[in-house]
C-alpha atoms as a PDB file:
ATOM      1  CA  MET A   1       0.040   0.049   0.040  1.00  0.00           C
ATOM      2  CA  GLU A   2       1.494   3.398  -0.993  1.00  0.00           C
ATOM      3  CA  SER A   3       1.711   6.168   1.603  1.00  0.00           C
ATOM      4  CA  PRO A   4      -0.874   8.964   0.884  1.00  0.00           C
ATOM      5  CA  LEU A   5       0.282  12.492   0.184  1.00  0.00           C
ATOM      6  CA  PRO A   6      -0.057  14.933   3.207  1.00  0.00           C
ATOM      7  CA  THR A   7      -3.583  16.172   3.749  1.00  0.00           C
ATOM      8  CA  ARG A   8      -5.199  18.405   6.385  1.00  0.00           C
ATOM      9  CA  ASN A   9      -6.053  15.273   8.177  1.00  0.00           C
ATOM     10  CA  ALA A  10      -2.361  14.385   8.348  1.00  0.00           C
ATOM     11  CA  GLY A  11      -1.669  17.372  10.639  1.00  0.00           C
ATOM     12  CA  ARG A  12      -3.660  15.721  13.509  1.00  0.00           C
ATOM     13  CA  PRO A  13      -2.104  13.221  15.843  1.00  0.00           C
ATOM     14  CA  LEU A  14      -3.413   9.734  16.221  1.00  0.00           C
ATOM     15  CA  LEU A  15      -3.620   9.674  20.073  1.00  0.00           C
ATOM     16  CA  LYS A  16      -4.632  11.951  22.865  1.00  0.00           C
ATOM     17  CA  TRP A  17      -1.529  12.311  25.089  1.00  0.00           C
ATOM     18  CA  ALA A  18      -0.777  13.997  28.321  1.00  0.00           C
ATOM     19  CA  GLY A  19       1.335  16.974  27.436  1.00  0.00           C
ATOM     20  CA  GLY A  20       0.572  16.680  23.730  1.00  0.00           C
ATOM     21  CA  LYS A  21       1.502  19.853  21.976  1.00  0.00           C
ATOM     22  CA  ARG A  22      -1.363  20.395  19.588  1.00  0.00           C
ATOM     23  CA  GLN A  23      -2.606  23.497  21.482  1.00  0.00           C
ATOM     24  CA  LEU A  24       0.866  24.867  21.544  1.00  0.00           C
ATOM     25  CA  LEU A  25       1.582  24.565  17.882  1.00  0.00           C
ATOM     26  CA  PRO A  26       0.959  28.236  16.965  1.00  0.00           C
ATOM     27  CA  ALA A  27       3.660  29.372  19.412  1.00  0.00           C
ATOM     28  CA  LEU A  28       6.012  26.433  18.485  1.00  0.00           C
ATOM     29  CA  ARG A  29       5.880  27.139  14.873  1.00  0.00           C
ATOM     30  CA  ARG A  30       7.654  30.501  15.447  1.00  0.00           C
ATOM     31  CA  TYR A  31      10.720  28.501  16.367  1.00  0.00           C
ATOM     32  CA  TYR A  32      10.855  25.905  13.463  1.00  0.00           C
ATOM     33  CA  PRO A  33      14.156  26.557  11.743  1.00  0.00           C
ATOM     34  CA  ALA A  34      13.897  27.752   8.178  1.00  0.00           C
ATOM     35  CA  ARG A  35      16.345  25.199   6.806  1.00  0.00           C
ATOM     36  CA  TYR A  36      17.182  21.713   7.940  1.00  0.00           C
ATOM     37  CA  ARG A  37      18.007  18.376   6.369  1.00  0.00           C
ATOM     38  CA  ARG A  38      16.601  15.807   9.015  1.00  0.00           C
ATOM     39  CA  TYR A  39      13.976  15.988  11.729  1.00  0.00           C
ATOM     40  CA  ILE A  40      14.555  14.250  15.157  1.00  0.00           C
ATOM     41  CA  GLU A  41      11.976  13.803  17.867  1.00  0.00           C
ATOM     42  CA  PRO A  42      13.367  11.978  20.871  1.00  0.00           C
ATOM     43  CA  PHE A  43      10.095  12.104  22.935  1.00  0.00           C
ATOM     44  CA  PHE A  44       7.614  11.257  20.230  1.00  0.00           C
ATOM     45  CA  GLY A  45       4.426  10.818  22.326  1.00  0.00           C
ATOM     46  CA  SER A  46       1.395  11.948  20.216  1.00  0.00           C
ATOM     47  CA  GLY A  47       3.809  13.538  17.630  1.00  0.00           C
ATOM     48  CA  ALA A  48       1.959  16.791  17.366  1.00  0.00           C
ATOM     49  CA  VAL A  49       4.975  18.569  15.887  1.00  0.00           C
ATOM     50  CA  PHE A  50       5.918  15.765  13.604  1.00  0.00           C
ATOM     51  CA  PHE A  51       2.313  15.608  12.223  1.00  0.00           C
ATOM     52  CA  ASP A  52       2.130  19.334  11.947  1.00  0.00           C
ATOM     53  CA  LEU A  53       5.302  19.404   9.826  1.00  0.00           C
ATOM     54  CA  TYR A  54       4.181  16.320   7.764  1.00  0.00           C
ATOM     55  CA  GLY A  55       0.724  17.700   7.177  1.00  0.00           C
ATOM     56  CA  SER A  56       2.134  21.051   5.944  1.00  0.00           C
ATOM     57  CA  GLY A  57       4.500  19.346   3.581  1.00  0.00           C
ATOM     58  CA  ALA A  58       7.428  20.735   5.414  1.00  0.00           C
ATOM     59  CA  LEU A  59       8.953  17.234   5.720  1.00  0.00           C
ATOM     60  CA  ALA A  60       8.725  16.463   2.072  1.00  0.00           C
ATOM     61  CA  GLY A  61      12.125  14.923   1.045  1.00  0.00           C
ATOM     62  CA  ARG A  62      13.519  14.945   4.636  1.00  0.00           C
ATOM     63  CA  PRO A  63      14.031  11.943   6.793  1.00  0.00           C
ATOM     64  CA  ALA A  64      12.580  11.765  10.288  1.00  0.00           C
ATOM     65  CA  TRP A  65      13.823   9.902  13.302  1.00  0.00           C
ATOM     66  CA  LEU A  66      10.957   9.324  15.880  1.00  0.00           C
ATOM     67  CA  VAL A  67      11.960   7.954  19.258  1.00  0.00           C
ATOM     68  CA  ASP A  68      10.081   7.197  22.485  1.00  0.00           C
ATOM     69  CA  ALA A  69      10.843   5.229  25.713  1.00  0.00           C
ATOM     70  CA  ASN A  70       7.297   3.942  25.782  1.00  0.00           C
ATOM     71  CA  ALA A  71       7.280   0.484  24.087  1.00  0.00           C
ATOM     72  CA  ASP A  72       3.598   0.404  23.818  1.00  0.00           C
ATOM     73  CA  LEU A  73       3.420   3.592  21.857  1.00  0.00           C
ATOM     74  CA  ILE A  74       6.105   2.651  19.303  1.00  0.00           C
ATOM     75  CA  GLY A  75       4.695  -0.869  18.965  1.00  0.00           C
ATOM     76  CA  CYS A  76       1.234   0.701  18.228  1.00  0.00           C
ATOM     77  CA  TYR A  77       2.651   3.021  15.687  1.00  0.00           C
ATOM     78  CA  ARG A  78       4.726   0.354  13.954  1.00  0.00           C
ATOM     79  CA  THR A  79       1.824  -2.138  13.889  1.00  0.00           C
ATOM     80  CA  LEU A  80      -0.609   0.445  12.503  1.00  0.00           C
ATOM     81  CA  ALA A  81       1.831   1.278   9.786  1.00  0.00           C
ATOM     82  CA  ASP A  82       2.648  -2.301   8.802  1.00  0.00           C
ATOM     83  CA  GLN A  83      -0.703  -4.070   9.377  1.00  0.00           C
ATOM     84  CA  THR A  84      -3.166  -1.231   8.888  1.00  0.00           C
ATOM     85  CA  ASP A  85      -6.110  -3.314   7.726  1.00  0.00           C
ATOM     86  CA  GLU A  86      -5.798  -5.817  10.589  1.00  0.00           C
ATOM     87  CA  VAL A  87      -5.711  -3.054  13.137  1.00  0.00           C
ATOM     88  CA  LEU A  88      -8.784  -1.345  11.672  1.00  0.00           C
ATOM     89  CA  ALA A  89     -10.646  -4.647  11.734  1.00  0.00           C
ATOM     90  CA  ALA A  90      -9.834  -5.218  15.299  1.00  0.00           C
ATOM     91  CA  LEU A  91     -10.645  -1.709  16.229  1.00  0.00           C
ATOM     92  CA  ARG A  92     -14.206  -1.984  14.594  1.00  0.00           C
ATOM     93  CA  VAL A  93     -14.953  -4.972  16.853  1.00  0.00           C
ATOM     94  CA  LEU A  94     -13.878  -2.951  19.978  1.00  0.00           C
ATOM     95  CA  ALA A  95     -15.936  -0.020  18.844  1.00  0.00           C
ATOM     96  CA  ALA A  96     -18.969  -2.306  18.665  1.00  0.00           C
ATOM     97  CA  GLY A  97     -18.186  -3.780  21.954  1.00  0.00           C
ATOM     98  CA  HIS A  98     -17.994  -0.335  23.523  1.00  0.00           C
ATOM     99  CA  ASP A  99     -21.307   0.738  21.992  1.00  0.00           C
ATOM    100  CA  ALA A 100     -22.937  -2.272  23.677  1.00  0.00           C
ATOM    101  CA  GLY A 101     -21.148  -2.369  26.938  1.00  0.00           C
ATOM    102  CA  GLY A 102     -19.713   1.064  27.764  1.00  0.00           C
ATOM    103  CA  SER A 103     -17.358   1.370  30.757  1.00  0.00           C
ATOM    104  CA  LYS A 104     -17.951  -2.254  31.687  1.00  0.00           C
ATOM    105  CA  PHE A 105     -16.550  -3.289  28.414  1.00  0.00           C
ATOM    106  CA  TYR A 106     -13.669  -0.812  28.848  1.00  0.00           C
ATOM    107  CA  TYR A 107     -12.555  -2.530  32.079  1.00  0.00           C
ATOM    108  CA  ARG A 108     -12.785  -6.078  30.547  1.00  0.00           C
ATOM    109  CA  VAL A 109     -10.576  -4.979  27.695  1.00  0.00           C
ATOM    110  CA  ARG A 110      -8.109  -3.186  29.981  1.00  0.00           C
ATOM    111  CA  ASP A 111      -7.913  -5.920  32.797  1.00  0.00           C
ATOM    112  CA  ASP A 112      -8.645  -9.163  31.081  1.00  0.00           C
ATOM    113  CA  ARG A 113      -7.104  -8.583  27.606  1.00  0.00           C
ATOM    114  CA  PHE A 114      -4.646  -5.628  27.350  1.00  0.00           C
ATOM    115  CA  ASN A 115      -2.716  -5.913  30.543  1.00  0.00           C
ATOM    116  CA  PRO A 116      -2.386  -9.844  30.353  1.00  0.00           C
ATOM    117  CA  ALA A 117      -1.252  -9.496  26.785  1.00  0.00           C
ATOM    118  CA  ARG A 118       1.355  -6.878  27.529  1.00  0.00           C
ATOM    119  CA  ALA A 119       2.597  -8.914  30.460  1.00  0.00           C
ATOM    120  CA  GLU A 120       3.541 -11.752  28.094  1.00  0.00           C
ATOM    121  CA  GLY A 121       6.099  -9.480  26.502  1.00  0.00           C
ATOM    122  CA  THR A 122       5.372 -10.643  22.942  1.00  0.00           C
ATOM    123  CA  PRO A 123       5.779  -8.177  20.015  1.00  0.00           C
ATOM    124  CA  TYR A 124       2.853  -5.916  19.269  1.00  0.00           C
ATOM    125  CA  THR A 125      -0.030  -7.351  17.424  1.00  0.00           C
ATOM    126  CA  PRO A 126      -2.852  -5.732  15.573  1.00  0.00           C
ATOM    127  CA  ASP A 127      -5.107  -6.672  18.516  1.00  0.00           C
ATOM    128  CA  LEU A 128      -2.868  -4.950  21.024  1.00  0.00           C
ATOM    129  CA  ALA A 129      -2.484  -1.893  18.794  1.00  0.00           C
ATOM    130  CA  ALA A 130      -6.283  -1.713  18.409  1.00  0.00           C
ATOM    131  CA  MET A 131      -6.781  -2.099  22.175  1.00  0.00           C
ATOM    132  CA  LEU A 132      -4.303   0.815  22.936  1.00  0.00           C
ATOM    133  CA  ILE A 133      -6.046   3.068  20.450  1.00  0.00           C
ATOM    134  CA  TYR A 134      -9.467   2.079  21.957  1.00  0.00           C
ATOM    135  CA  LEU A 135      -8.302   2.602  25.519  1.00  0.00           C
ATOM    136  CA  ASN A 136      -6.814   5.941  24.495  1.00  0.00           C
ATOM    137  CA  ARG A 137     -10.144   7.046  22.928  1.00  0.00           C
ATOM    138  CA  THR A 138     -12.261   6.002  25.863  1.00  0.00           C
ATOM    139  CA  GLY A 139     -10.004   6.315  28.882  1.00  0.00           C
ATOM    140  CA  PHE A 140      -9.955   9.262  31.280  1.00  0.00           C
ATOM    141  CA  ASN A 141      -8.484  12.289  29.347  1.00  0.00           C
ATOM    142  CA  GLY A 142      -6.607   9.975  27.067  1.00  0.00           C
ATOM    143  CA  LEU A 143      -3.983   9.366  29.660  1.00  0.00           C
ATOM    144  CA  PHE A 144      -1.363   6.631  29.392  1.00  0.00           C
ATOM    145  CA  ARG A 145      -0.329   5.791  32.911  1.00  0.00           C
ATOM    146  CA  LEU A 146       1.347   2.721  34.319  1.00  0.00           C
ATOM    147  CA  ASN A 147       1.432   1.531  38.042  1.00  0.00           C
ATOM    148  CA  ARG A 148       4.626   0.384  39.777  1.00  0.00           C
ATOM    149  CA  ARG A 149       3.913  -3.207  38.360  1.00  0.00           C
ATOM    150  CA  GLY A 150       3.921  -1.738  34.895  1.00  0.00           C
ATOM    151  CA  GLU A 151       0.147  -2.213  34.383  1.00  0.00           C
ATOM    152  CA  PHE A 152      -1.986   0.269  32.477  1.00  0.00           C
ATOM    153  CA  ASN A 153      -4.436   1.596  35.161  1.00  0.00           C
ATOM    154  CA  VAL A 154      -6.300   4.547  33.669  1.00  0.00           C
ATOM    155  CA  PRO A 155     -10.001   4.489  34.479  1.00  0.00           C
ATOM    156  CA  ALA A 156     -12.747   4.878  31.987  1.00  0.00           C
ATOM    157  CA  GLY A 157     -13.630   8.314  30.683  1.00  0.00           C
ATOM    158  CA  ARG A 158     -17.031   9.902  30.528  1.00  0.00           C
ATOM    159  CA  TYR A 159     -17.747  10.273  26.861  1.00  0.00           C
ATOM    160  CA  ALA A 160     -21.097  10.132  25.326  1.00  0.00           C
ATOM    161  CA  LYS A 161     -20.067   9.154  21.838  1.00  0.00           C
ATOM    162  CA  PRO A 162     -16.389   8.725  21.577  1.00  0.00           C
ATOM    163  CA  ARG A 163     -14.966   8.345  18.012  1.00  0.00           C
ATOM    164  CA  ILE A 164     -13.249   5.136  18.397  1.00  0.00           C
ATOM    165  CA  CYS A 165     -12.488   4.045  14.721  1.00  0.00           C
ATOM    166  CA  ASP A 166     -11.821   7.072  12.546  1.00  0.00           C
ATOM    167  CA  GLU A 167     -10.789   4.914   9.553  1.00  0.00           C
ATOM    168  CA  ASP A 168      -9.830   7.901   7.230  1.00  0.00           C
ATOM    169  CA  HIS A 169      -7.684   9.433   9.867  1.00  0.00           C
ATOM    170  CA  LEU A 170      -6.046   6.059  10.824  1.00  0.00           C
ATOM    171  CA  ASN A 171      -5.202   5.396   7.267  1.00  0.00           C
ATOM    172  CA  VAL A 172      -3.515   8.838   6.830  1.00  0.00           C
ATOM    173  CA  VAL A 173      -1.548   8.352  10.119  1.00  0.00           C
ATOM    174  CA  ALA A 174      -0.518   4.853   8.991  1.00  0.00           C
ATOM    175  CA  GLY A 175       0.550   6.300   5.511  1.00  0.00           C
ATOM    176  CA  ALA A 176       2.683   8.941   7.220  1.00  0.00           C
ATOM    177  CA  LEU A 177       4.482   6.474   9.418  1.00  0.00           C
ATOM    178  CA  ARG A 178       4.910   3.910   6.596  1.00  0.00           C
ATOM    179  CA  SER A 179       7.125   6.282   4.630  1.00  0.00           C
ATOM    180  CA  PRO A 180      10.579   4.886   3.974  1.00  0.00           C
ATOM    181  CA  ALA A 181      11.984   8.167   5.240  1.00  0.00           C
ATOM    182  CA  ILE A 182      10.476   7.635   8.681  1.00  0.00           C
ATOM    183  CA  THR A 183      12.363   5.715  11.408  1.00  0.00           C
ATOM    184  CA  LEU A 184      10.384   4.617  14.443  1.00  0.00           C
ATOM    185  CA  GLU A 185      12.511   3.612  17.396  1.00  0.00           C
ATOM    186  CA  HIS A 186      11.774   2.450  20.886  1.00  0.00           C
ATOM    187  CA  GLY A 187      14.557   3.796  23.145  1.00  0.00           C
ATOM    188  CA  SER A 188      15.759   6.605  25.349  1.00  0.00           C
ATOM    189  CA  PHE A 189      16.394  10.126  24.227  1.00  0.00           C
ATOM    190  CA  ASP A 190      20.096   9.836  24.777  1.00  0.00           C
ATOM    191  CA  ARG A 191      20.975   7.970  21.527  1.00  0.00           C
ATOM    192  CA  ALA A 192      18.972  10.151  19.258  1.00  0.00           C
ATOM    193  CA  LEU A 193      20.413  13.309  20.767  1.00  0.00           C
ATOM    194  CA  SER A 194      23.995  11.957  20.715  1.00  0.00           C
ATOM    195  CA  HIS A 195      23.678  11.656  16.922  1.00  0.00           C
ATOM    196  CA  ALA A 196      22.236  15.090  16.353  1.00  0.00           C
ATOM    197  CA  GLY A 197      24.449  17.646  14.599  1.00  0.00           C
ATOM    198  CA  PRO A 198      24.586  20.138  11.721  1.00  0.00           C
ATOM    199  CA  GLY A 199      21.530  20.171   9.506  1.00  0.00           C
ATOM    200  CA  ASP A 200      19.237  18.479  12.143  1.00  0.00           C
ATOM    201  CA  PHE A 201      16.059  19.967  13.642  1.00  0.00           C
ATOM    202  CA  VAL A 202      15.503  18.506  17.057  1.00  0.00           C
ATOM    203  CA  TYR A 203      12.209  18.963  18.866  1.00  0.00           C
ATOM    204  CA  CYS A 204      12.007  17.679  22.456  1.00  0.00           C
ATOM    205  CA  ASP A 205       8.902  17.335  24.429  1.00  0.00           C
ATOM    206  CA  PRO A 206       9.932  15.495  27.645  1.00  0.00           C
ATOM    207  CA  PRO A 207       7.710  14.670  30.500  1.00  0.00           C
ATOM    208  CA  TYR A 208       7.344  18.062  32.146  1.00  0.00           C
ATOM    209  CA  ALA A 209       8.838  18.999  35.482  1.00  0.00           C
ATOM    210  CA  PRO A 210       5.743  19.105  37.859  1.00  0.00           C
ATOM    211  CA  VAL A 211       4.539  22.527  38.774  1.00  0.00           C
ATOM    212  CA  SER A 212       3.091  21.157  42.039  1.00  0.00           C
ATOM    213  CA  ARG A 213       3.247  17.957  44.181  1.00  0.00           C
ATOM    214  CA  THR A 214       0.056  16.634  42.476  1.00  0.00           C
ATOM    215  CA  ALA A 215       0.596  17.891  38.891  1.00  0.00           C
ATOM    216  CA  CYS A 216       2.977  15.133  37.627  1.00  0.00           C
ATOM    217  CA  PHE A 217       2.251  13.072  34.453  1.00  0.00           C
ATOM    218  CA  ALA A 218       5.555  11.446  33.991  1.00  0.00           C
ATOM    219  CA  ASN A 219       4.457   7.781  34.296  1.00  0.00           C
ATOM    220  CA  TYR A 220       4.421   7.044  30.650  1.00  0.00           C
ATOM    221  CA  THR A 221       6.760   4.223  31.613  1.00  0.00           C
ATOM    222  CA  ALA A 222       6.903   2.374  34.917  1.00  0.00           C
ATOM    223  CA  ASP A 223      10.007   4.281  35.917  1.00  0.00           C
ATOM    224  CA  GLY A 224       8.737   7.835  35.335  1.00  0.00           C
ATOM    225  CA  PHE A 225      10.911  10.890  34.484  1.00  0.00           C
ATOM    226  CA  THR A 226      12.972  12.249  37.321  1.00  0.00           C
ATOM    227  CA  SER A 227      15.013  15.406  37.975  1.00  0.00           C
ATOM    228  CA  HIS A 228      18.063  13.480  37.266  1.00  0.00           C
ATOM    229  CA  ASP A 229      16.591  12.733  33.841  1.00  0.00           C
ATOM    230  CA  GLN A 230      15.895  16.403  33.301  1.00  0.00           C
ATOM    231  CA  LEU A 231      19.576  17.096  33.994  1.00  0.00           C
ATOM    232  CA  ARG A 232      20.689  14.327  31.549  1.00  0.00           C
ATOM    233  CA  LEU A 233      18.514  15.880  28.957  1.00  0.00           C
ATOM    234  CA  GLN A 234      19.969  19.309  29.515  1.00  0.00           C
ATOM    235  CA  ARG A 235      23.454  18.053  29.036  1.00  0.00           C
ATOM    236  CA  ALA A 236      22.475  16.189  25.950  1.00  0.00           C
ATOM    237  CA  LEU A 237      20.861  19.306  24.426  1.00  0.00           C
ATOM    238  CA  ILE A 238      23.846  21.405  25.215  1.00  0.00           C
ATOM    239  CA  ALA A 239      26.099  18.881  23.370  1.00  0.00           C
ATOM    240  CA  ALA A 240      23.699  18.713  20.406  1.00  0.00           C
ATOM    241  CA  ALA A 241      23.628  22.432  20.203  1.00  0.00           C
ATOM    242  CA  GLN A 242      27.354  22.736  20.218  1.00  0.00           C
ATOM    243  CA  ARG A 243      27.503  20.214  17.399  1.00  0.00           C
ATOM    244  CA  GLY A 244      25.362  22.517  15.339  1.00  0.00           C
ATOM    245  CA  ALA A 245      21.842  21.026  15.703  1.00  0.00           C
ATOM    246  CA  SER A 246      18.770  23.297  15.726  1.00  0.00           C
ATOM    247  CA  ILE A 247      17.029  22.821  19.090  1.00  0.00           C
ATOM    248  CA  VAL A 248      13.477  23.405  20.190  1.00  0.00           C
ATOM    249  CA  MET A 249      12.437  22.054  23.545  1.00  0.00           C
ATOM    250  CA  SER A 250       9.309  22.712  25.428  1.00  0.00           C
ATOM    251  CA  ASN A 251       8.938  22.285  29.257  1.00  0.00           C
ATOM    252  CA  SER A 252       6.959  23.624  32.278  1.00  0.00           C
ATOM    253  CA  SER A 253       7.647  27.085  33.701  1.00  0.00           C
ATOM    254  CA  THR A 254       9.139  25.995  37.091  1.00  0.00           C
ATOM    255  CA  PRO A 255      12.142  27.261  39.073  1.00  0.00           C
ATOM    256  CA  GLU A 256      13.866  23.824  38.371  1.00  0.00           C
ATOM    257  CA  ILE A 257      13.733  24.275  34.640  1.00  0.00           C
ATOM    258  CA  GLU A 258      14.563  27.919  34.619  1.00  0.00           C
ATOM    259  CA  ASP A 259      17.681  27.282  36.816  1.00  0.00           C
ATOM    260  CA  LEU A 260      18.660  24.339  34.606  1.00  0.00           C
ATOM    261  CA  TYR A 261      18.621  26.405  31.420  1.00  0.00           C
ATOM    262  CA  SER A 262      20.284  29.551  32.823  1.00  0.00           C
ATOM    263  CA  THR A 263      23.642  28.040  33.448  1.00  0.00           C
ATOM    264  CA  PRO A 264      26.924  29.265  31.738  1.00  0.00           C
ATOM    265  CA  ALA A 265      27.077  26.069  29.841  1.00  0.00           C
ATOM    266  CA  VAL A 266      23.576  26.608  28.342  1.00  0.00           C
ATOM    267  CA  LEU A 267      24.512  30.161  27.394  1.00  0.00           C
ATOM    268  CA  ARG A 268      27.712  29.160  25.783  1.00  0.00           C
ATOM    269  CA  ALA A 269      25.707  26.656  23.595  1.00  0.00           C
ATOM    270  CA  HIS A 270      23.588  29.685  22.464  1.00  0.00           C
ATOM    271  CA  LEU A 271      20.432  28.245  24.078  1.00  0.00           C
ATOM    272  CA  ARG A 272      17.863  30.575  25.511  1.00  0.00           C
ATOM    273  CA  ILE A 273      14.616  30.586  27.433  1.00  0.00           C
ATOM    274  CA  GLU A 274      11.467  31.848  25.563  1.00  0.00           C
ATOM    275  CA  ARG A 275       8.127  32.241  27.381  1.00  0.00           C
ATOM    276  CA  VAL A 276       4.928  31.142  25.577  1.00  0.00           C
ATOM    277  CA  GLN A 277       1.301  30.778  26.661  1.00  0.00           C
ATOM    278  CA  ALA A 278      -0.296  27.308  26.515  1.00  0.00           C
ATOM    279  CA  ARG A 279      -3.629  25.848  27.724  1.00  0.00           C
ATOM    280  CA  ARG A 280      -3.658  23.075  30.407  1.00  0.00           C
ATOM    281  CA  ALA A 281      -5.699  20.450  28.689  1.00  0.00           C
ATOM    282  CA  ILE A 282      -5.452  17.730  31.367  1.00  0.00           C
ATOM    283  CA  ASN A 283      -6.778  18.419  34.893  1.00  0.00           C
ATOM    284  CA  SER A 284      -9.388  16.755  36.994  1.00  0.00           C
ATOM    285  CA  ARG A 285     -11.069  20.088  37.346  1.00  0.00           C
ATOM    286  CA  PRO A 286     -12.380  21.685  34.136  1.00  0.00           C
ATOM    287  CA  ASP A 287     -12.122  25.185  35.571  1.00  0.00           C
ATOM    288  CA  ALA A 288      -8.340  24.603  36.036  1.00  0.00           C
ATOM    289  CA  ARG A 289      -7.737  23.965  32.309  1.00  0.00           C
ATOM    290  CA  GLY A 290      -6.912  27.532  31.504  1.00  0.00           C
ATOM    291  CA  PRO A 291      -3.951  29.409  29.980  1.00  0.00           C
ATOM    292  CA  ILE A 292      -0.630  28.832  31.659  1.00  0.00           C
ATOM    293  CA  GLU A 293       2.965  29.926  30.867  1.00  0.00           C
ATOM    294  CA  GLU A 294       5.361  27.429  29.474  1.00  0.00           C
ATOM    295  CA  LEU A 295       9.005  27.559  28.444  1.00  0.00           C
ATOM    296  CA  VAL A 296      10.634  26.998  25.073  1.00  0.00           C
ATOM    297  CA  ILE A 297      14.442  26.295  25.242  1.00  0.00           C
ATOM    298  CA  THR A 298      15.887  26.999  21.706  1.00  0.00           C
ATOM    299  CA  ASN A 299      18.783  28.191  19.622  1.00  0.00           C
ATOM    300  CA  THR A 300      16.724  28.969  16.481  1.00  0.00           C
ATOM    301  CA  ALA A 301      15.904  32.456  15.093  1.00  0.00           C
ATOM    302  CA  LEU A 302      12.399  33.728  15.893  1.00  0.00           C
ATOM    303  CA  ASN A 303      10.065  33.722  12.985  1.00  0.00           C
ATOM    304  CA  VAL A 304       8.512  37.147  13.367  1.00  0.00           C
ATOM    305  CA  ARG A 305       7.012  37.265   9.915  1.00  0.00           C
ATOM    306  CA  PRO A 306       4.052  35.225   8.576  1.00  0.00           C
ATOM    307  CA  ARG A 307       5.302  31.892   7.388  1.00  0.00           C
ATOM    308  CA  MET A 308       4.275  30.728   3.939  1.00  0.00           C
ATOM    309  CA  LEU A 309       3.889  26.853   3.744  1.00  0.00           C
ATOM    310  CA  LYS A 310       2.755  24.943   0.754  1.00  0.00           C
ATOM    311  CA  ALA A 311       0.188  22.618   2.135  1.00  0.00           C
ATOM    312  CA  HIS A 312      -2.319  20.408   0.329  1.00  0.00           C
ATOM    313  CA  GLY A 313      -1.751  22.306  -2.888  1.00  0.00           C
ATOM    314  CA  THR A 314      -2.554  25.627  -1.385  1.00  0.00           C
ATOM    315  CA  VAL A 315      -0.258  28.374  -0.076  1.00  0.00           C
ATOM    316  CA  LEU A 316      -1.251  29.086   3.440  1.00  0.00           C
ATOM    317  CA  ALA A 317      -0.163  32.255   5.394  1.00  0.00           C
ATOM    318  CA  ARG A 318       0.417  31.837   9.012  1.00  0.00           C
ATOM    319  CA  LYS A 319      -0.592  34.823  11.092  1.00  0.00           C
ATOM    320  CA  ARG A 320       1.673  36.117  13.715  1.00  0.00           C
ATOM    321  CA  ALA A 321       1.462  34.147  16.943  1.00  0.00           C
END
């Protein structure tokens, strides 16, 4: 099956994801470098920036290296790309089961099928990929959270009519990830960043440093993402910037991150802190999902003029953020 050309639908991520950057894209676009040869995303997650670049045609002719430490995520993406029809068939069955059974069906899938299949440690199958997509569409706020035993433990969400099997969109996403220029890799950010250099555009969206004791969504893997990991990331970004890579990294506006990216070593690497406005999309209280300040760490020039991108056969002008 050939990969489809980019369309408007290609700019939309497959999964809902804690910390997903779709709402932040208007601000992030101002830091996309004008020229680069390869795109690297060491914390792929929902891939909002990748799909934004792909959907606009900005990745045409460029390779992309997409990495994530979450084995389920990469397994799902690979399986959807390689066995699209089989994943769609399994997802149709799950959608019908949810229509009939609602949250009771959700917990049966989560506890009796998904977690036991994951515990076996076998390669991802179309059934597993379909279950992950289903649980993402119907679980609370689209979270992916693991307990200390490595079990997926997100409760059912409260959705009247969740769109579980959007076949057109799934086919577009599969086509984008099926491209020979795309490399999907399960692993830590370290390896990808250690190979970043001149001509590379690196976008990093690590699990954010928590803004409070209760505001931590770092359990995408059983081990989480610690302050030591934030320090490792800082050092890797400094080294990549010194080798000539174009860096854009988003993180929470906390004293920890501000201090981490205000050191002499950061300044010598020509990395700087920019402040942007974002919208908190995941919170147990709807009234707390308002605008917040986030940080962008970058060494790219700010795009202050409207950007003209050829997308879907039409020239689109991006207004000033």
